[in-house]
Amino acid sequence: MIVGLIGEVVKKEPTYIHLNVNGVIYELFVSLHCSAAIDKRSVKIHTTLIVREDSQTLYGFLDTMEKKLFDTLIKLNGVGPKVAMAICSTFRPQEFIEIVRRKDVASLKKVPGIGPKSAQRILVELGEFEMESEGAPASNYNQEAVMALESLGFKREQIQKVLSSCESTDTASLVKEALKKIQKI
């Protein structure tokens, strides 16, 4: 699995780049935000490789949050890589999380290839995006801590309650702190 590439940009278009990595040139499809942010010849790109019967396609991301958003979207029923990339090109990850939180169908319909039914279905399926109690998007490490604690068998409500009182600023410390607090309950 190819999870990242470091190389020199030899061609840049709004929706894809060609990246020379030690003499091998890879084509990576990127969002409009990612393409606009590439201003150097040498870049480090996080990638998602999608292998199909008839193709092997690389999608590239400068921002890890954008990659996680893309990876989450392609797991949804009826959302393929092209629609997921269109969403990433239309909204930044924090903007999209806010759209999901508000269940804003009208904003999601602005994405090319998404109609009212698709927008509604996507919002329903993504309704479980983690949000902090103040309504702000949850931080990346907070989401990872929730997933880790859920995998240990704790209930989401219990996890949210405990995490709201934790002060750690990285995933490992947050999980440890939450486990200590859960044991006291």
C-alpha atoms as a PDB file:
ATOM      1  CA  MET A   1       0.000   0.000   0.000  1.00  0.00           C
ATOM      2  CA  ILE A   2       1.320   3.441  -0.902  1.00  0.00           C
ATOM      3  CA  VAL A   3       0.517   5.833   1.975  1.00  0.00           C
ATOM      4  CA  GLY A   4       2.720   8.748   1.015  1.00  0.00           C
ATOM      5  CA  LEU A   5       5.187  10.058  -1.534  1.00  0.00           C
ATOM      6  CA  ILE A   6       7.983  12.612  -1.431  1.00  0.00           C
ATOM      7  CA  GLY A   7       9.091  13.951  -4.759  1.00  0.00           C
ATOM      8  CA  GLU A   8       9.297  16.748  -7.257  1.00  0.00           C
ATOM      9  CA  VAL A   9       6.194  18.105  -8.977  1.00  0.00           C
ATOM     10  CA  VAL A  10       6.772  17.935 -12.738  1.00  0.00           C
ATOM     11  CA  LYS A  11       3.223  18.844 -13.821  1.00  0.00           C
ATOM     12  CA  LYS A  12       0.418  20.510 -11.901  1.00  0.00           C
ATOM     13  CA  GLU A  13      -3.173  20.881 -13.047  1.00  0.00           C
ATOM     14  CA  PRO A  14      -6.177  21.895 -10.916  1.00  0.00           C
ATOM     15  CA  THR A  15      -7.282  18.278 -10.338  1.00  0.00           C
ATOM     16  CA  TYR A  16      -4.073  16.254 -10.598  1.00  0.00           C
ATOM     17  CA  ILE A  17      -0.306  16.414 -10.326  1.00  0.00           C
ATOM     18  CA  HIS A  18       2.561  14.368 -11.714  1.00  0.00           C
ATOM     19  CA  LEU A  19       5.141  13.629  -9.028  1.00  0.00           C
ATOM     20  CA  ASN A  20       8.651  12.408  -9.872  1.00  0.00           C
ATOM     21  CA  VAL A  21       9.828  10.075  -7.119  1.00  0.00           C
ATOM     22  CA  ASN A  22      13.354   8.818  -7.850  1.00  0.00           C
ATOM     23  CA  GLY A  23      12.738   8.656 -11.598  1.00  0.00           C
ATOM     24  CA  VAL A  24       9.229   7.140 -11.393  1.00  0.00           C
ATOM     25  CA  ILE A  25       6.447   9.620 -12.206  1.00  0.00           C
ATOM     26  CA  TYR A  26       3.156   9.077 -10.373  1.00  0.00           C
ATOM     27  CA  GLU A  27      -0.155  10.671 -11.294  1.00  0.00           C
ATOM     28  CA  LEU A  28      -2.066  11.751  -8.192  1.00  0.00           C
ATOM     29  CA  PHE A  29      -5.573  13.167  -8.247  1.00  0.00           C
ATOM     30  CA  VAL A  30      -5.873  16.069  -5.814  1.00  0.00           C
ATOM     31  CA  SER A  31      -8.560  18.460  -4.612  1.00  0.00           C
ATOM     32  CA  LEU A  32      -8.631  22.045  -5.785  1.00  0.00           C
ATOM     33  CA  HIS A  33      -7.546  23.155  -2.279  1.00  0.00           C
ATOM     34  CA  CYS A  34      -4.543  20.807  -2.355  1.00  0.00           C
ATOM     35  CA  SER A  35      -3.540  21.881  -5.846  1.00  0.00           C
ATOM     36  CA  ALA A  36      -3.698  25.552  -4.877  1.00  0.00           C
ATOM     37  CA  ALA A  37      -1.562  24.900  -1.777  1.00  0.00           C
ATOM     38  CA  ILE A  38       1.265  23.244  -3.730  1.00  0.00           C
ATOM     39  CA  ASP A  39       3.707  26.066  -4.294  1.00  0.00           C
ATOM     40  CA  LYS A  40       7.044  24.248  -4.153  1.00  0.00           C
ATOM     41  CA  ARG A  41       8.660  21.850  -6.568  1.00  0.00           C
ATOM     42  CA  SER A  42       9.420  19.311  -3.822  1.00  0.00           C
ATOM     43  CA  VAL A  43       6.450  18.090  -1.749  1.00  0.00           C
ATOM     44  CA  LYS A  44       5.385  15.384   0.667  1.00  0.00           C
ATOM     45  CA  ILE A  45       1.947  14.025  -0.203  1.00  0.00           C
ATOM     46  CA  HIS A  46      -0.231  11.651   1.845  1.00  0.00           C
ATOM     47  CA  THR A  47      -1.967   9.200  -0.464  1.00  0.00           C
ATOM     48  CA  THR A  48      -4.892   6.836  -0.739  1.00  0.00           C
ATOM     49  CA  LEU A  49      -4.532   4.061  -3.307  1.00  0.00           C
ATOM     50  CA  ILE A  50      -7.733   2.670  -4.790  1.00  0.00           C
ATOM     51  CA  VAL A  51      -7.366  -0.581  -6.686  1.00  0.00           C
ATOM     52  CA  ARG A  52     -10.177  -1.629  -9.012  1.00  0.00           C
ATOM     53  CA  GLU A  53     -10.441  -4.329 -11.643  1.00  0.00           C
ATOM     54  CA  ASP A  54      -9.507  -1.936 -14.405  1.00  0.00           C
ATOM     55  CA  SER A  55      -7.370   0.686 -12.618  1.00  0.00           C
ATOM     56  CA  GLN A  56      -5.060   1.624  -9.780  1.00  0.00           C
ATOM     57  CA  THR A  57      -5.617   5.244  -8.827  1.00  0.00           C
ATOM     58  CA  LEU A  58      -3.686   7.420  -6.384  1.00  0.00           C
ATOM     59  CA  TYR A  59      -5.344  10.324  -4.580  1.00  0.00           C
ATOM     60  CA  GLY A  60      -3.047  12.849  -2.904  1.00  0.00           C
ATOM     61  CA  PHE A  61      -3.483  15.175   0.082  1.00  0.00           C
ATOM     62  CA  LEU A  62      -1.259  17.744   1.757  1.00  0.00           C
ATOM     63  CA  ASP A  63      -3.632  17.944   4.737  1.00  0.00           C
ATOM     64  CA  THR A  64      -4.152  14.759   6.797  1.00  0.00           C
ATOM     65  CA  MET A  65      -7.650  15.931   7.803  1.00  0.00           C
ATOM     66  CA  GLU A  66      -8.596  16.138   4.124  1.00  0.00           C
ATOM     67  CA  LYS A  67      -7.265  12.588   3.622  1.00  0.00           C
ATOM     68  CA  LYS A  68      -9.322  11.310   6.562  1.00  0.00           C
ATOM     69  CA  LEU A  69     -12.402  13.051   5.188  1.00  0.00           C
ATOM     70  CA  PHE A  70     -11.835  11.463   1.766  1.00  0.00           C
ATOM     71  CA  ASP A  71     -11.252   8.010   3.311  1.00  0.00           C
ATOM     72  CA  THR A  72     -14.452   8.346   5.368  1.00  0.00           C
ATOM     73  CA  LEU A  73     -16.519   9.487   2.391  1.00  0.00           C
ATOM     74  CA  ILE A  74     -15.479   6.647   0.057  1.00  0.00           C
ATOM     75  CA  LYS A  75     -16.686   4.136   2.649  1.00  0.00           C
ATOM     76  CA  LEU A  76     -20.235   5.479   2.344  1.00  0.00           C
ATOM     77  CA  ASN A  77     -22.762   3.699   0.184  1.00  0.00           C
ATOM     78  CA  GLY A  78     -23.016   5.380  -3.218  1.00  0.00           C
ATOM     79  CA  VAL A  79     -20.043   7.740  -2.732  1.00  0.00           C
ATOM     80  CA  GLY A  80     -17.122   6.957  -4.983  1.00  0.00           C
ATOM     81  CA  PRO A  81     -13.714   8.600  -5.200  1.00  0.00           C
ATOM     82  CA  LYS A  82     -14.859  11.214  -7.747  1.00  0.00           C
ATOM     83  CA  VAL A  83     -17.719  12.452  -5.558  1.00  0.00           C
ATOM     84  CA  ALA A  84     -15.501  12.326  -2.449  1.00  0.00           C
ATOM     85  CA  MET A  85     -12.854  14.395  -4.258  1.00  0.00           C
ATOM     86  CA  ALA A  86     -15.549  16.843  -5.413  1.00  0.00           C
ATOM     87  CA  ILE A  87     -16.596  17.296  -1.772  1.00  0.00           C
ATOM     88  CA  CYS A  88     -12.945  17.839  -0.758  1.00  0.00           C
ATOM     89  CA  SER A  89     -12.584  20.383  -3.567  1.00  0.00           C
ATOM     90  CA  THR A  90     -15.737  22.258  -2.536  1.00  0.00           C
ATOM     91  CA  PHE A  91     -15.283  22.324   1.243  1.00  0.00           C
ATOM     92  CA  ARG A  92     -12.344  22.312   3.627  1.00  0.00           C
ATOM     93  CA  PRO A  93     -12.605  19.514   6.238  1.00  0.00           C
ATOM     94  CA  GLN A  94     -13.726  21.831   9.068  1.00  0.00           C
ATOM     95  CA  GLU A  95     -16.373  23.415   6.829  1.00  0.00           C
ATOM     96  CA  PHE A  96     -17.692  19.979   5.881  1.00  0.00           C
ATOM     97  CA  ILE A  97     -17.859  18.835   9.513  1.00  0.00           C
ATOM     98  CA  GLU A  98     -19.911  21.947  10.275  1.00  0.00           C
ATOM     99  CA  ILE A  99     -22.254  21.161   7.340  1.00  0.00           C
ATOM    100  CA  VAL A 100     -22.764  17.646   8.710  1.00  0.00           C
ATOM    101  CA  ARG A 101     -23.375  19.005  12.211  1.00  0.00           C
ATOM    102  CA  ARG A 102     -26.021  21.430  10.878  1.00  0.00           C
ATOM    103  CA  LYS A 103     -27.437  18.787   8.497  1.00  0.00           C
ATOM    104  CA  ASP A 104     -27.219  21.448   5.778  1.00  0.00           C
ATOM    105  CA  VAL A 105     -28.592  19.716   2.655  1.00  0.00           C
ATOM    106  CA  ALA A 106     -28.594  22.951   0.630  1.00  0.00           C
ATOM    107  CA  SER A 107     -24.831  23.455   1.069  1.00  0.00           C
ATOM    108  CA  LEU A 108     -24.047  19.838   0.224  1.00  0.00           C
ATOM    109  CA  LYS A 109     -26.134  20.058  -2.975  1.00  0.00           C
ATOM    110  CA  LYS A 110     -23.633  22.662  -4.257  1.00  0.00           C
ATOM    111  CA  VAL A 111     -21.129  19.835  -4.826  1.00  0.00           C
ATOM    112  CA  PRO A 112     -21.111  18.670  -8.467  1.00  0.00           C
ATOM    113  CA  GLY A 113     -22.659  15.204  -8.713  1.00  0.00           C
ATOM    114  CA  ILE A 114     -24.710  15.407  -5.512  1.00  0.00           C
ATOM    115  CA  GLY A 115     -28.462  15.827  -5.703  1.00  0.00           C
ATOM    116  CA  PRO A 116     -31.003  16.249  -2.892  1.00  0.00           C
ATOM    117  CA  LYS A 117     -31.404  12.521  -2.193  1.00  0.00           C
ATOM    118  CA  SER A 118     -27.656  11.869  -2.189  1.00  0.00           C
ATOM    119  CA  ALA A 119     -27.048  14.887   0.057  1.00  0.00           C
ATOM    120  CA  GLN A 120     -29.665  13.698   2.531  1.00  0.00           C
ATOM    121  CA  ARG A 121     -28.264  10.146   2.566  1.00  0.00           C
ATOM    122  CA  ILE A 122     -24.681  11.370   3.080  1.00  0.00           C
ATOM    123  CA  LEU A 123     -25.730  13.592   5.976  1.00  0.00           C
ATOM    124  CA  VAL A 124     -27.672  10.772   7.623  1.00  0.00           C
ATOM    125  CA  GLU A 125     -24.754   8.356   7.290  1.00  0.00           C
ATOM    126  CA  LEU A 126     -22.259  10.939   8.558  1.00  0.00           C
ATOM    127  CA  GLY A 127     -24.516  12.119  11.382  1.00  0.00           C
ATOM    128  CA  GLU A 128     -22.215  10.340  13.807  1.00  0.00           C
ATOM    129  CA  PHE A 129     -19.282  12.722  13.208  1.00  0.00           C
ATOM    130  CA  GLU A 130     -17.770  13.543  16.570  1.00  0.00           C
ATOM    131  CA  MET A 131     -18.539  17.009  17.894  1.00  0.00           C
ATOM    132  CA  GLU A 132     -17.361  18.572  21.111  1.00  0.00           C
ATOM    133  CA  SER A 133     -19.915  19.833  23.603  1.00  0.00           C
ATOM    134  CA  GLU A 134     -19.602  23.505  22.575  1.00  0.00           C
ATOM    135  CA  GLY A 135     -20.574  22.570  19.008  1.00  0.00           C
ATOM    136  CA  ALA A 136     -17.093  23.120  17.588  1.00  0.00           C
ATOM    137  CA  PRO A 137     -15.610  20.361  15.462  1.00  0.00           C
ATOM    138  CA  ALA A 138     -13.805  17.775  17.551  1.00  0.00           C
ATOM    139  CA  SER A 139     -10.064  17.724  17.245  1.00  0.00           C
ATOM    140  CA  ASN A 140      -8.308  14.977  15.378  1.00  0.00           C
ATOM    141  CA  TYR A 141      -6.807  13.430  18.523  1.00  0.00           C
ATOM    142  CA  ASN A 142     -10.196  13.513  20.227  1.00  0.00           C
ATOM    143  CA  GLN A 143     -11.770  11.539  17.361  1.00  0.00           C
ATOM    144  CA  GLU A 144      -8.935   9.008  17.480  1.00  0.00           C
ATOM    145  CA  ALA A 145      -9.373   8.635  21.257  1.00  0.00           C
ATOM    146  CA  VAL A 146     -13.110   7.996  20.790  1.00  0.00           C
ATOM    147  CA  MET A 147     -12.385   5.271  18.220  1.00  0.00           C
ATOM    148  CA  ALA A 148      -9.746   3.688  20.480  1.00  0.00           C
ATOM    149  CA  LEU A 149     -12.070   3.644  23.499  1.00  0.00           C
ATOM    150  CA  GLU A 150     -14.964   2.294  21.432  1.00  0.00           C
ATOM    151  CA  SER A 151     -12.734  -0.526  20.218  1.00  0.00           C
ATOM    152  CA  LEU A 152     -12.134  -1.385  23.882  1.00  0.00           C
ATOM    153  CA  GLY A 153     -15.887  -1.824  24.332  1.00  0.00           C
ATOM    154  CA  PHE A 154     -16.917   1.425  26.033  1.00  0.00           C
ATOM    155  CA  LYS A 155     -20.194   3.097  25.078  1.00  0.00           C
ATOM    156  CA  ARG A 156     -20.108   6.341  23.067  1.00  0.00           C
ATOM    157  CA  GLU A 157     -22.120   8.323  25.646  1.00  0.00           C
ATOM    158  CA  GLN A 158     -19.740   7.292  28.437  1.00  0.00           C
ATOM    159  CA  ILE A 159     -16.715   8.133  26.294  1.00  0.00           C
ATOM    160  CA  GLN A 160     -18.036  11.604  25.364  1.00  0.00           C
ATOM    161  CA  LYS A 161     -18.788  12.402  29.000  1.00  0.00           C
ATOM    162  CA  VAL A 162     -15.313  11.394  30.177  1.00  0.00           C
ATOM    163  CA  LEU A 163     -13.442  13.037  27.274  1.00  0.00           C
ATOM    164  CA  SER A 164     -15.168  16.378  27.892  1.00  0.00           C
ATOM    165  CA  SER A 165     -13.374  16.547  31.262  1.00  0.00           C
ATOM    166  CA  CYS A 166      -9.936  15.446  29.948  1.00  0.00           C
ATOM    167  CA  GLU A 167      -7.148  17.947  29.295  1.00  0.00           C
ATOM    168  CA  SER A 168      -4.571  15.953  27.288  1.00  0.00           C
ATOM    169  CA  THR A 169      -3.544  17.218  23.863  1.00  0.00           C
ATOM    170  CA  ASP A 170      -2.492  14.027  22.080  1.00  0.00           C
ATOM    171  CA  THR A 171      -4.268  10.754  21.401  1.00  0.00           C
ATOM    172  CA  ALA A 172      -2.198   8.418  23.602  1.00  0.00           C
ATOM    173  CA  SER A 173      -2.315  10.707  26.651  1.00  0.00           C
ATOM    174  CA  LEU A 174      -6.020  11.365  26.128  1.00  0.00           C
ATOM    175  CA  VAL A 175      -6.825   7.625  26.022  1.00  0.00           C
ATOM    176  CA  LYS A 176      -4.768   7.006  29.194  1.00  0.00           C
ATOM    177  CA  GLU A 177      -6.429   9.897  31.028  1.00  0.00           C
ATOM    178  CA  ALA A 178      -9.896   8.763  29.921  1.00  0.00           C
ATOM    179  CA  LEU A 179      -9.234   5.165  31.024  1.00  0.00           C
ATOM    180  CA  LYS A 180      -8.220   6.365  34.485  1.00  0.00           C
ATOM    181  CA  LYS A 181     -11.402   8.459  34.779  1.00  0.00           C
ATOM    182  CA  ILE A 182     -13.613   5.627  33.483  1.00  0.00           C
ATOM    183  CA  GLN A 183     -12.180   3.266  36.110  1.00  0.00           C
ATOM    184  CA  LYS A 184     -13.234   5.708  38.857  1.00  0.00           C
ATOM    185  CA  ILE A 185     -16.841   5.754  37.647  1.00  0.00           C
END
